[in-house]
Amino acid sequence: MPADPTTDATRTRGWRRAQRARVQRKRRGYWGRGRVSPFALPVTPDFLGRVAKTPRPCSAWCCGNPRRHFGTPTMQERRAALAALAAPGGHAEGSDA
């Protein structure tokens, strides 16, 4: 019987390093870095390590959690509201129907 790929036995040091490198490649352009511009900041190993662990630079209103600062619904809540509207005879919470 083949091993389940989601078990901890298959998640070796090499797998973890590959996942970290994948995230670092994906997030090279975060925080305005890696752009072709004379004003762009360089992409350094220190920056890649930081952005791989914490993609948001801070928790202020401009880059933090919009639910906390503005009371906007989460993606999960928006999807649930759309599903409720799409259901037969469904209506959104607080609507006139």
Protein backbone atom coordinates (compact mmCIF):
# COMPACT_ATOMS: atom_id res chain seq x y z
CA MET A 1 0.00 0.00 0.00
CA PRO A 2 1.54 3.38 -0.97
CA ALA A 3 2.16 5.95 1.71
CA ASP A 4 -0.34 8.77 2.03
CA PRO A 5 1.33 11.93 0.64
CA THR A 6 -0.24 14.10 3.35
CA THR A 7 1.34 12.29 6.29
CA ASP A 8 4.26 13.68 8.25
CA ALA A 9 6.43 10.75 7.15
CA THR A 10 6.69 12.14 3.60
CA ARG A 11 7.28 15.71 4.70
CA THR A 12 11.02 15.63 5.00
CA ARG A 13 13.49 18.46 5.37
CA GLY A 14 13.83 18.58 1.58
CA TRP A 15 10.06 18.93 1.16
CA ARG A 16 9.93 21.77 3.70
CA ARG A 17 12.82 23.55 2.00
CA ALA A 18 11.12 23.20 -1.38
CA GLN A 19 7.88 24.65 0.00
CA ARG A 20 9.74 27.58 1.57
CA ALA A 21 11.57 28.27 -1.71
CA ARG A 22 8.23 28.13 -3.57
CA VAL A 23 6.71 30.71 -1.22
CA GLN A 24 9.78 32.92 -1.52
CA ARG A 25 9.60 32.83 -5.35
CA LYS A 26 5.91 33.68 -5.20
CA ARG A 27 6.42 36.63 -2.85
CA ARG A 28 9.50 38.26 -4.44
CA GLY A 29 7.47 41.27 -5.54
CA TYR A 30 5.73 41.88 -2.20
CA TRP A 31 6.15 45.22 -0.44
CA GLY A 32 7.14 46.94 -3.69
CA ARG A 33 10.31 44.96 -4.21
CA GLY A 34 11.57 43.25 -7.31
CA ARG A 35 9.98 45.74 -9.71
CA VAL A 36 11.81 47.19 -12.67
CA SER A 37 12.13 50.73 -11.41
CA PRO A 38 14.97 53.03 -10.38
CA PHE A 39 13.21 53.45 -7.02
CA ALA A 40 12.59 49.76 -6.29
CA LEU A 41 14.30 48.25 -3.27
CA PRO A 42 16.54 45.22 -3.86
CA VAL A 43 15.36 41.70 -3.09
CA THR A 44 17.70 40.37 -0.41
CA PRO A 45 17.78 37.00 1.38
CA ASP A 46 16.77 38.79 4.60
CA PHE A 47 13.74 40.28 2.86
CA LEU A 48 12.74 36.92 1.33
CA GLY A 49 12.94 35.22 4.73
CA ARG A 50 10.79 37.89 6.34
CA VAL A 51 8.15 38.00 3.63
CA ALA A 52 7.92 34.18 3.52
CA LYS A 53 6.92 34.12 7.19
CA THR A 54 4.87 37.34 7.35
CA PRO A 55 3.42 38.52 4.01
CA ARG A 56 1.89 41.67 5.54
CA PRO A 57 4.42 44.25 6.68
CA CYS A 58 2.21 45.53 9.52
CA SER A 59 -1.32 45.46 10.89
CA ALA A 60 -2.21 49.11 10.31
CA TRP A 61 -5.47 50.02 8.55
CA CYS A 62 -3.82 50.21 5.13
CA CYS A 63 -2.36 46.68 5.04
CA GLY A 64 -3.99 44.85 7.94
CA ASN A 65 -7.16 42.83 8.33
CA PRO A 66 -10.05 44.75 6.67
CA ARG A 67 -12.62 43.06 8.92
CA ARG A 68 -10.93 44.41 12.01
CA HIS A 69 -10.59 47.96 10.72
CA PHE A 70 -13.65 48.47 8.50
CA GLY A 71 -16.05 45.70 9.50
CA THR A 72 -16.15 44.24 5.98
CA PRO A 73 -17.28 40.61 5.76
CA THR A 74 -14.74 37.88 5.18
CA MET A 75 -14.57 35.93 1.93
CA GLN A 76 -16.27 33.01 3.67
CA GLU A 77 -19.15 35.23 4.79
CA ARG A 78 -19.50 36.74 1.30
CA ARG A 79 -19.64 33.27 -0.28
CA ALA A 80 -22.27 32.14 2.25
CA ALA A 81 -24.40 35.21 1.48
CA LEU A 82 -24.14 34.54 -2.27
CA ALA A 83 -25.06 30.88 -1.72
CA ALA A 84 -28.08 31.95 0.34
CA LEU A 85 -29.19 34.25 -2.48
CA ALA A 86 -28.74 31.53 -5.09
CA ALA A 87 -30.74 28.97 -3.09
CA PRO A 88 -34.38 28.55 -4.12
CA GLY A 89 -36.47 31.02 -2.13
CA GLY A 90 -33.37 32.33 -0.42
CA HIS A 91 -32.78 35.92 0.48
CA ALA A 92 -29.93 37.79 2.02
CA GLU A 93 -29.94 38.78 5.65
CA GLY A 94 -31.43 42.25 6.08
CA SER A 95 -32.95 42.45 2.59
CA ASP A 96 -36.45 43.77 1.85
CA ALA A 97 -37.67 40.57 0.18
